[in-house]
Amino acid sequence: NKELAQPTDIDAIVASAVSESQKVELYTASRLTIDPGT
């Protein structure tokens, strides 16, 4: 609920991925959450 109340900080999310594996995991987690139907 706290995260929902805050605006999305995509800059902070992207900046937190400091390795290639973390970048892959961030995208994978996002892709796992949504099926890009829109």
PDB file of all heavy atoms in Angstrom:
ATOM      1  N   ASN A   1       0.822  -1.218   0.000  1.00  0.00           N
ATOM      2  CA  ASN A   1       0.000   0.000   0.000  1.00  0.00           C
ATOM      3  C   ASN A   1       0.854   1.264   0.000  1.00  0.00           C
ATOM      4  O   ASN A   1       0.508   2.246  -0.657  1.00  0.00           O
ATOM      5  CB  ASN A   1      -0.965  -0.003   1.186  1.00  0.00           C
ATOM      6  CG  ASN A   1      -2.055  -1.037   1.015  1.00  0.00           C
ATOM      7  OD1 ASN A   1      -2.457  -1.351  -0.106  1.00  0.00           O
ATOM      8  ND2 ASN A   1      -2.522  -1.588   2.116  1.00  0.00           N
ATOM      9  N   LYS A   2       1.979   1.232   0.715  1.00  0.00           N
ATOM     10  CA  LYS A   2       2.892   2.385   0.721  1.00  0.00           C
ATOM     11  C   LYS A   2       3.457   2.625  -0.679  1.00  0.00           C
ATOM     12  O   LYS A   2       3.512   3.752  -1.153  1.00  0.00           O
ATOM     13  CB  LYS A   2       4.027   2.132   1.713  1.00  0.00           C
ATOM     14  CG  LYS A   2       5.055   3.238   1.760  1.00  0.00           C
ATOM     15  CD  LYS A   2       6.175   2.888   2.728  1.00  0.00           C
ATOM     16  CE  LYS A   2       7.343   3.811   2.494  1.00  0.00           C
ATOM     17  NZ  LYS A   2       8.611   3.151   2.614  1.00  0.00           N
ATOM     18  N   GLU A   3       3.859   1.542  -1.340  1.00  0.00           N
ATOM     19  CA  GLU A   3       4.401   1.669  -2.693  1.00  0.00           C
ATOM     20  C   GLU A   3       3.345   2.171  -3.679  1.00  0.00           C
ATOM     21  O   GLU A   3       3.645   2.950  -4.577  1.00  0.00           O
ATOM     22  CB  GLU A   3       4.981   0.342  -3.169  1.00  0.00           C
ATOM     23  CG  GLU A   3       6.253  -0.058  -2.459  1.00  0.00           C
ATOM     24  CD  GLU A   3       7.381   0.942  -2.632  1.00  0.00           C
ATOM     25  OE1 GLU A   3       7.619   1.399  -3.772  1.00  0.00           O
ATOM     26  OE2 GLU A   3       8.024   1.282  -1.626  1.00  0.00           O
ATOM     27  N   LEU A   4       2.111   1.729  -3.511  1.00  0.00           N
ATOM     28  CA  LEU A   4       1.026   2.176  -4.391  1.00  0.00           C
ATOM     29  C   LEU A   4       0.733   3.660  -4.211  1.00  0.00           C
ATOM     30  O   LEU A   4       0.333   4.336  -5.157  1.00  0.00           O
ATOM     31  CB  LEU A   4      -0.244   1.364  -4.148  1.00  0.00           C
ATOM     32  CG  LEU A   4      -0.229  -0.066  -4.648  1.00  0.00           C
ATOM     33  CD1 LEU A   4      -1.526  -0.758  -4.264  1.00  0.00           C
ATOM     34  CD2 LEU A   4      -0.028  -0.126  -6.152  1.00  0.00           C
ATOM     35  N   ALA A   5       0.926   4.157  -2.993  1.00  0.00           N
ATOM     36  CA  ALA A   5       0.643   5.567  -2.703  1.00  0.00           C
ATOM     37  C   ALA A   5       1.712   6.500  -3.261  1.00  0.00           C
ATOM     38  O   ALA A   5       1.470   7.694  -3.419  1.00  0.00           O
ATOM     39  CB  ALA A   5       0.507   5.765  -1.194  1.00  0.00           C
ATOM     40  N   GLN A   6       2.868   5.961  -3.570  1.00  0.00           N
ATOM     41  CA  GLN A   6       3.967   6.776  -4.082  1.00  0.00           C
ATOM     42  C   GLN A   6       4.006   6.705  -5.605  1.00  0.00           C
ATOM     43  O   GLN A   6       3.681   5.674  -6.194  1.00  0.00           O
ATOM     44  CB  GLN A   6       5.301   6.271  -3.533  1.00  0.00           C
ATOM     45  CG  GLN A   6       5.415   6.357  -2.040  1.00  0.00           C
ATOM     46  CD  GLN A   6       6.734   5.793  -1.548  1.00  0.00           C
ATOM     47  OE1 GLN A   6       7.681   5.641  -2.294  1.00  0.00           O
ATOM     48  NE2 GLN A   6       6.795   5.484  -0.268  1.00  0.00           N
ATOM     49  N   PRO A   7       4.433   7.786  -6.239  1.00  0.00           N
ATOM     50  CA  PRO A   7       4.606   7.707  -7.697  1.00  0.00           C
ATOM     51  C   PRO A   7       5.754   6.763  -8.039  1.00  0.00           C
ATOM     52  O   PRO A   7       6.688   6.590  -7.255  1.00  0.00           O
ATOM     53  CB  PRO A   7       4.938   9.147  -8.105  1.00  0.00           C
ATOM     54  CG  PRO A   7       5.341   9.839  -6.857  1.00  0.00           C
ATOM     55  CD  PRO A   7       4.761   9.086  -5.701  1.00  0.00           C
ATOM     56  N   THR A   8       5.644   6.138  -9.187  1.00  0.00           N
ATOM     57  CA  THR A   8       6.694   5.234  -9.651  1.00  0.00           C
ATOM     58  C   THR A   8       7.954   6.035  -9.962  1.00  0.00           C
ATOM     59  O   THR A   8       7.899   7.029 -10.673  1.00  0.00           O
ATOM     60  CB  THR A   8       6.235   4.493 -10.920  1.00  0.00           C
ATOM     61  OG1 THR A   8       5.074   3.732 -10.589  1.00  0.00           O
ATOM     62  CG2 THR A   8       7.307   3.575 -11.443  1.00  0.00           C
ATOM     63  N   ASP A   9       9.072   5.603  -9.421  1.00  0.00           N
ATOM     64  CA  ASP A   9      10.353   6.248  -9.692  1.00  0.00           C
ATOM     65  C   ASP A   9      11.173   5.306 -10.573  1.00  0.00           C
ATOM     66  O   ASP A   9      12.017   4.552 -10.088  1.00  0.00           O
ATOM     67  CB  ASP A   9      11.076   6.567  -8.392  1.00  0.00           C
ATOM     68  CG  ASP A   9      12.351   7.373  -8.605  1.00  0.00           C
ATOM     69  OD1 ASP A   9      12.759   7.575  -9.776  1.00  0.00           O
ATOM     70  OD2 ASP A   9      12.951   7.795  -7.599  1.00  0.00           O
ATOM     71  N   ILE A  10      10.880   5.345 -11.860  1.00  0.00           N
ATOM     72  CA  ILE A  10      11.556   4.447 -12.793  1.00  0.00           C
ATOM     73  C   ILE A  10      13.065   4.695 -12.813  1.00  0.00           C
ATOM     74  O   ILE A  10      13.849   3.770 -12.989  1.00  0.00           O
ATOM     75  CB  ILE A  10      10.937   4.529 -14.210  1.00  0.00           C
ATOM     76  CG1 ILE A  10      11.406   3.357 -15.078  1.00  0.00           C
ATOM     77  CG2 ILE A  10      11.243   5.834 -14.879  1.00  0.00           C
ATOM     78  CD1 ILE A  10      10.913   2.034 -14.642  1.00  0.00           C
ATOM     79  N   ASP A  11      13.474   5.945 -12.599  1.00  0.00           N
ATOM     80  CA  ASP A  11      14.910   6.250 -12.557  1.00  0.00           C
ATOM     81  C   ASP A  11      15.594   5.480 -11.429  1.00  0.00           C
ATOM     82  O   ASP A  11      16.672   4.919 -11.622  1.00  0.00           O
ATOM     83  CB  ASP A  11      15.149   7.751 -12.379  1.00  0.00           C
ATOM     84  CG  ASP A  11      14.728   8.562 -13.587  1.00  0.00           C
ATOM     85  OD1 ASP A  11      14.778   8.030 -14.717  1.00  0.00           O
ATOM     86  OD2 ASP A  11      14.328   9.724 -13.410  1.00  0.00           O
ATOM     87  N   ALA A  12      14.972   5.434 -10.257  1.00  0.00           N
ATOM     88  CA  ALA A  12      15.552   4.719  -9.118  1.00  0.00           C
ATOM     89  C   ALA A  12      15.558   3.211  -9.369  1.00  0.00           C
ATOM     90  O   ALA A  12      16.521   2.527  -9.018  1.00  0.00           O
ATOM     91  CB  ALA A  12      14.784   5.039  -7.838  1.00  0.00           C
ATOM     92  N   ILE A  13      14.495   2.708  -9.978  1.00  0.00           N
ATOM     93  CA  ILE A  13      14.427   1.275 -10.272  1.00  0.00           C
ATOM     94  C   ILE A  13      15.544   0.892 -11.229  1.00  0.00           C
ATOM     95  O   ILE A  13      16.287  -0.065 -10.985  1.00  0.00           O
ATOM     96  CB  ILE A  13      13.042   0.903 -10.843  1.00  0.00           C
ATOM     97  CG1 ILE A  13      11.973   1.031  -9.748  1.00  0.00           C
ATOM     98  CG2 ILE A  13      13.049  -0.504 -11.430  1.00  0.00           C
ATOM     99  CD1 ILE A  13      10.547   0.906 -10.242  1.00  0.00           C
ATOM    100  N   VAL A  14      15.690   1.639 -12.299  1.00  0.00           N
ATOM    101  CA  VAL A  14      16.728   1.340 -13.296  1.00  0.00           C
ATOM    102  C   VAL A  14      18.122   1.504 -12.689  1.00  0.00           C
ATOM    103  O   VAL A  14      18.999   0.665 -12.902  1.00  0.00           O
ATOM    104  CB  VAL A  14      16.544   2.227 -14.547  1.00  0.00           C
ATOM    105  CG1 VAL A  14      17.747   2.138 -15.471  1.00  0.00           C
ATOM    106  CG2 VAL A  14      15.268   1.839 -15.290  1.00  0.00           C
ATOM    107  N   ALA A  15      18.325   2.564 -11.906  1.00  0.00           N
ATOM    108  CA  ALA A  15      19.645   2.827 -11.317  1.00  0.00           C
ATOM    109  C   ALA A  15      20.062   1.748 -10.327  1.00  0.00           C
ATOM    110  O   ALA A  15      21.256   1.522 -10.105  1.00  0.00           O
ATOM    111  CB  ALA A  15      19.661   4.189 -10.636  1.00  0.00           C
ATOM    112  N   SER A  16      19.100   1.046  -9.746  1.00  0.00           N
ATOM    113  CA  SER A  16      19.433   0.026  -8.755  1.00  0.00           C
ATOM    114  C   SER A  16      20.033  -1.228  -9.386  1.00  0.00           C
ATOM    115  O   SER A  16      20.651  -2.033  -8.691  1.00  0.00           O
ATOM    116  CB  SER A  16      18.194  -0.353  -7.947  1.00  0.00           C
ATOM    117  OG  SER A  16      17.300  -1.070  -8.755  1.00  0.00           O
ATOM    118  N   ALA A  17      19.857  -1.406 -10.678  1.00  0.00           N
ATOM    119  CA  ALA A  17      20.418  -2.565 -11.372  1.00  0.00           C
ATOM    120  C   ALA A  17      21.851  -2.248 -11.760  1.00  0.00           C
ATOM    121  O   ALA A  17      22.102  -1.534 -12.720  1.00  0.00           O
ATOM    122  CB  ALA A  17      19.590  -2.902 -12.602  1.00  0.00           C
ATOM    123  N   VAL A  18      22.794  -2.788 -10.986  1.00  0.00           N
ATOM    124  CA  VAL A  18      24.196  -2.447 -11.198  1.00  0.00           C
ATOM    125  C   VAL A  18      24.970  -3.521 -11.957  1.00  0.00           C
ATOM    126  O   VAL A  18      26.133  -3.324 -12.281  1.00  0.00           O
ATOM    127  CB  VAL A  18      24.904  -2.131  -9.858  1.00  0.00           C
ATOM    128  CG1 VAL A  18      24.303  -0.888  -9.218  1.00  0.00           C
ATOM    129  CG2 VAL A  18      24.824  -3.312  -8.905  1.00  0.00           C
ATOM    130  N   SER A  19      24.331  -4.642 -12.230  1.00  0.00           N
ATOM    131  CA  SER A  19      24.992  -5.703 -12.994  1.00  0.00           C
ATOM    132  C   SER A  19      24.071  -6.158 -14.111  1.00  0.00           C
ATOM    133  O   SER A  19      22.867  -5.890 -14.094  1.00  0.00           O
ATOM    134  CB  SER A  19      25.333  -6.893 -12.089  1.00  0.00           C
ATOM    135  OG  SER A  19      24.141  -7.539 -11.660  1.00  0.00           O
ATOM    136  N   GLU A  20      24.628  -6.861 -15.056  1.00  0.00           N
ATOM    137  CA  GLU A  20      23.824  -7.368 -16.163  1.00  0.00           C
ATOM    138  C   GLU A  20      22.757  -8.337 -15.663  1.00  0.00           C
ATOM    139  O   GLU A  20      21.619  -8.305 -16.115  1.00  0.00           O
ATOM    140  CB  GLU A  20      24.719  -8.035 -17.212  1.00  0.00           C
ATOM    141  CG  GLU A  20      24.006  -8.300 -18.508  1.00  0.00           C
ATOM    142  CD  GLU A  20      24.968  -8.626 -19.630  1.00  0.00           C
ATOM    143  OE1 GLU A  20      26.108  -9.042 -19.384  1.00  0.00           O
ATOM    144  OE2 GLU A  20      24.542  -8.459 -20.785  1.00  0.00           O
ATOM    145  N   SER A  21      23.114  -9.171 -14.698  1.00  0.00           N
ATOM    146  CA  SER A  21      22.136 -10.126 -14.170  1.00  0.00           C
ATOM    147  C   SER A  21      20.988  -9.397 -13.475  1.00  0.00           C
ATOM    148  O   SER A  21      19.823  -9.791 -13.613  1.00  0.00           O
ATOM    149  CB  SER A  21      22.793 -11.127 -13.223  1.00  0.00           C
ATOM    150  OG  SER A  21      23.376 -10.489 -12.115  1.00  0.00           O
ATOM    151  N   GLN A  22      21.267  -8.305 -12.764  1.00  0.00           N
ATOM    152  CA  GLN A  22      20.201  -7.547 -12.121  1.00  0.00           C
ATOM    153  C   GLN A  22      19.299  -6.876 -13.157  1.00  0.00           C
ATOM    154  O   GLN A  22      18.080  -6.818 -12.976  1.00  0.00           O
ATOM    155  CB  GLN A  22      20.781  -6.509 -11.158  1.00  0.00           C
ATOM    156  CG  GLN A  22      21.334  -7.127  -9.903  1.00  0.00           C
ATOM    157  CD  GLN A  22      21.873  -6.102  -8.934  1.00  0.00           C
ATOM    158  OE1 GLN A  22      22.210  -4.966  -9.302  1.00  0.00           O
ATOM    159  NE2 GLN A  22      21.986  -6.480  -7.670  1.00  0.00           N
ATOM    160  N   LYS A  23      19.880  -6.389 -14.235  1.00  0.00           N
ATOM    161  CA  LYS A  23      19.073  -5.797 -15.304  1.00  0.00           C
ATOM    162  C   LYS A  23      18.130  -6.838 -15.895  1.00  0.00           C
ATOM    163  O   LYS A  23      16.949  -6.571 -16.125  1.00  0.00           O
ATOM    164  CB  LYS A  23      19.973  -5.219 -16.395  1.00  0.00           C
ATOM    165  CG  LYS A  23      20.741  -3.992 -15.956  1.00  0.00           C
ATOM    166  CD  LYS A  23      21.673  -3.520 -17.055  1.00  0.00           C
ATOM    167  CE  LYS A  23      22.484  -2.327 -16.600  1.00  0.00           C
ATOM    168  NZ  LYS A  23      23.340  -1.804 -17.678  1.00  0.00           N
ATOM    169  N   VAL A  24      18.654  -8.035 -16.132  1.00  0.00           N
ATOM    170  CA  VAL A  24      17.834  -9.119 -16.678  1.00  0.00           C
ATOM    171  C   VAL A  24      16.730  -9.475 -15.690  1.00  0.00           C
ATOM    172  O   VAL A  24      15.573  -9.660 -16.072  1.00  0.00           O
ATOM    173  CB  VAL A  24      18.708 -10.345 -17.031  1.00  0.00           C
ATOM    174  CG1 VAL A  24      17.845 -11.564 -17.333  1.00  0.00           C
ATOM    175  CG2 VAL A  24      19.622 -10.025 -18.207  1.00  0.00           C
ATOM    176  N   GLU A  25      17.056  -9.559 -14.405  1.00  0.00           N
ATOM    177  CA  GLU A  25      16.050  -9.900 -13.403  1.00  0.00           C
ATOM    178  C   GLU A  25      14.971  -8.821 -13.283  1.00  0.00           C
ATOM    179  O   GLU A  25      13.798  -9.152 -13.108  1.00  0.00           O
ATOM    180  CB  GLU A  25      16.696 -10.157 -12.051  1.00  0.00           C
ATOM    181  CG  GLU A  25      17.403 -11.495 -11.982  1.00  0.00           C
ATOM    182  CD  GLU A  25      17.850 -11.838 -10.588  1.00  0.00           C
ATOM    183  OE1 GLU A  25      16.987 -11.941  -9.697  1.00  0.00           O
ATOM    184  OE2 GLU A  25      19.070 -11.990 -10.398  1.00  0.00           O
ATOM    185  N   LEU A  26      15.347  -7.563 -13.369  1.00  0.00           N
ATOM    186  CA  LEU A  26      14.346  -6.485 -13.314  1.00  0.00           C
ATOM    187  C   LEU A  26      13.360  -6.598 -14.466  1.00  0.00           C
ATOM    188  O   LEU A  26      12.146  -6.504 -14.270  1.00  0.00           O
ATOM    189  CB  LEU A  26      15.023  -5.107 -13.363  1.00  0.00           C
ATOM    190  CG  LEU A  26      15.427  -4.491 -12.050  1.00  0.00           C
ATOM    191  CD1 LEU A  26      16.087  -3.136 -12.279  1.00  0.00           C
ATOM    192  CD2 LEU A  26      14.262  -4.359 -11.107  1.00  0.00           C
ATOM    193  N   TYR A  27      13.893  -6.802 -15.665  1.00  0.00           N
ATOM    194  CA  TYR A  27      12.998  -6.936 -16.816  1.00  0.00           C
ATOM    195  C   TYR A  27      12.163  -8.215 -16.681  1.00  0.00           C
ATOM    196  O   TYR A  27      10.959  -8.204 -16.940  1.00  0.00           O
ATOM    197  CB  TYR A  27      13.782  -6.943 -18.135  1.00  0.00           C
ATOM    198  CG  TYR A  27      12.839  -7.010 -19.315  1.00  0.00           C
ATOM    199  CD1 TYR A  27      12.288  -5.846 -19.834  1.00  0.00           C
ATOM    200  CD2 TYR A  27      12.455  -8.232 -19.871  1.00  0.00           C
ATOM    201  CE1 TYR A  27      11.380  -5.896 -20.890  1.00  0.00           C
ATOM    202  CE2 TYR A  27      11.561  -8.299 -20.919  1.00  0.00           C
ATOM    203  CZ  TYR A  27      11.031  -7.127 -21.429  1.00  0.00           C
ATOM    204  OH  TYR A  27      10.123  -7.184 -22.460  1.00  0.00           O
ATOM    205  N   THR A  28      12.779  -9.314 -16.248  1.00  0.00           N
ATOM    206  CA  THR A  28      12.060 -10.573 -16.102  1.00  0.00           C
ATOM    207  C   THR A  28      10.933 -10.448 -15.083  1.00  0.00           C
ATOM    208  O   THR A  28       9.814 -10.898 -15.328  1.00  0.00           O
ATOM    209  CB  THR A  28      13.027 -11.709 -15.692  1.00  0.00           C
ATOM    210  OG1 THR A  28      14.052 -11.834 -16.682  1.00  0.00           O
ATOM    211  CG2 THR A  28      12.298 -13.032 -15.544  1.00  0.00           C
ATOM    212  N   ALA A  29      11.195  -9.806 -13.942  1.00  0.00           N
ATOM    213  CA  ALA A  29      10.159  -9.614 -12.920  1.00  0.00           C
ATOM    214  C   ALA A  29       9.012  -8.782 -13.478  1.00  0.00           C
ATOM    215  O   ALA A  29       7.837  -9.089 -13.246  1.00  0.00           O
ATOM    216  CB  ALA A  29      10.752  -8.939 -11.687  1.00  0.00           C
ATOM    217  N   SER A  30       9.341  -7.748 -14.226  1.00  0.00           N
ATOM    218  CA  SER A  30       8.315  -6.897 -14.824  1.00  0.00           C
ATOM    219  C   SER A  30       7.499  -7.663 -15.850  1.00  0.00           C
ATOM    220  O   SER A  30       6.261  -7.578 -15.884  1.00  0.00           O
ATOM    221  CB  SER A  30       8.958  -5.666 -15.467  1.00  0.00           C
ATOM    222  OG  SER A  30       9.636  -4.906 -14.489  1.00  0.00           O
ATOM    223  N   ARG A  31       8.174  -8.430 -16.682  1.00  0.00           N
ATOM    224  CA  ARG A  31       7.501  -9.202 -17.733  1.00  0.00           C
ATOM    225  C   ARG A  31       6.658 -10.318 -17.145  1.00  0.00           C
ATOM    226  O   ARG A  31       5.585 -10.636 -17.644  1.00  0.00           O
ATOM    227  CB  ARG A  31       8.544  -9.763 -18.699  1.00  0.00           C
ATOM    228  CG  ARG A  31       8.002 -10.648 -19.805  1.00  0.00           C
ATOM    229  CD  ARG A  31       6.946  -9.929 -20.650  1.00  0.00           C
ATOM    230  NE  ARG A  31       6.438 -10.802 -21.675  1.00  0.00           N
ATOM    231  CZ  ARG A  31       5.455 -11.686 -21.511  1.00  0.00           C
ATOM    232  NH1 ARG A  31       4.869 -11.811 -20.348  1.00  0.00           N
ATOM    233  NH2 ARG A  31       5.058 -12.436 -22.525  1.00  0.00           N
ATOM    234  N   LEU A  32       7.123 -10.883 -16.038  1.00  0.00           N
ATOM    235  CA  LEU A  32       6.368 -11.925 -15.364  1.00  0.00           C
ATOM    236  C   LEU A  32       5.077 -11.363 -14.762  1.00  0.00           C
ATOM    237  O   LEU A  32       4.069 -12.062 -14.693  1.00  0.00           O
ATOM    238  CB  LEU A  32       7.232 -12.552 -14.270  1.00  0.00           C
ATOM    239  CG  LEU A  32       6.692 -13.771 -13.536  1.00  0.00           C
ATOM    240  CD1 LEU A  32       6.437 -14.917 -14.516  1.00  0.00           C
ATOM    241  CD2 LEU A  32       7.666 -14.212 -12.469  1.00  0.00           C
ATOM    242  N   THR A  33       5.107 -10.112 -14.363  1.00  0.00           N
ATOM    243  CA  THR A  33       3.955  -9.477 -13.738  1.00  0.00           C
ATOM    244  C   THR A  33       2.847  -9.188 -14.734  1.00  0.00           C
ATOM    245  O   THR A  33       1.667  -9.327 -14.413  1.00  0.00           O
ATOM    246  CB  THR A  33       4.375  -8.163 -13.043  1.00  0.00           C
ATOM    247  OG1 THR A  33       5.415  -8.458 -12.122  1.00  0.00           O
ATOM    248  CG2 THR A  33       3.213  -7.523 -12.315  1.00  0.00           C
ATOM    249  N   ILE A  34       3.216  -8.771 -15.931  1.00  0.00           N
ATOM    250  CA  ILE A  34       2.202  -8.408 -16.922  1.00  0.00           C
ATOM    251  C   ILE A  34       2.381  -9.209 -18.199  1.00  0.00           C
ATOM    252  O   ILE A  34       3.481  -9.582 -18.567  1.00  0.00           O
ATOM    253  CB  ILE A  34       2.217  -6.895 -17.244  1.00  0.00           C
ATOM    254  CG1 ILE A  34       3.582  -6.433 -17.751  1.00  0.00           C
ATOM    255  CG2 ILE A  34       1.778  -6.092 -16.038  1.00  0.00           C
ATOM    256  CD1 ILE A  34       3.638  -4.976 -18.175  1.00  0.00           C
ATOM    257  N   ASP A  35       1.266  -9.465 -18.836  1.00  0.00           N
ATOM    258  CA  ASP A  35       1.273 -10.059 -20.163  1.00  0.00           C
ATOM    259  C   ASP A  35       0.935  -8.898 -21.079  1.00  0.00           C
ATOM    260  O   ASP A  35      -0.183  -8.391 -21.030  1.00  0.00           O
ATOM    261  CB  ASP A  35       0.225 -11.172 -20.253  1.00  0.00           C
ATOM    262  CG  ASP A  35       0.374 -11.997 -21.505  1.00  0.00           C
ATOM    263  OD1 ASP A  35       1.387 -11.841 -22.202  1.00  0.00           O
ATOM    264  OD2 ASP A  35      -0.519 -12.806 -21.767  1.00  0.00           O
ATOM    265  N   PRO A  36       1.882  -8.438 -21.869  1.00  0.00           N
ATOM    266  CA  PRO A  36       1.694  -7.175 -22.602  1.00  0.00           C
ATOM    267  C   PRO A  36       0.565  -7.226 -23.634  1.00  0.00           C
ATOM    268  O   PRO A  36       0.798  -7.235 -24.831  1.00  0.00           O
ATOM    269  CB  PRO A  36       3.055  -6.938 -23.246  1.00  0.00           C
ATOM    270  CG  PRO A  36       3.667  -8.284 -23.349  1.00  0.00           C
ATOM    271  CD  PRO A  36       3.153  -9.066 -22.179  1.00  0.00           C
ATOM    272  N   GLY A  37      -0.662  -7.245 -23.118  1.00  0.00           N
ATOM    273  CA  GLY A  37      -1.826  -7.301 -23.986  1.00  0.00           C
ATOM    274  C   GLY A  37      -2.339  -5.940 -24.404  1.00  0.00           C
ATOM    275  O   GLY A  37      -3.223  -5.845 -25.252  1.00  0.00           O
ATOM    276  N   THR A  38      -1.803  -4.897 -23.802  1.00  0.00           N
ATOM    277  CA  THR A  38      -2.209  -3.540 -24.189  1.00  0.00           C
ATOM    278  C   THR A  38      -0.988  -2.766 -24.666  1.00  0.00           C
ATOM    279  O   THR A  38       0.152  -3.117 -24.352  1.00  0.00           O
ATOM    280  CB  THR A  38      -2.840  -2.774 -23.001  1.00  0.00           C
ATOM    281  OG1 THR A  38      -1.828  -2.526 -22.011  1.00  0.00           O
ATOM    282  CG2 THR A  38      -3.999  -3.554 -22.378  1.00  0.00           C
TER     283      THR A  38
END
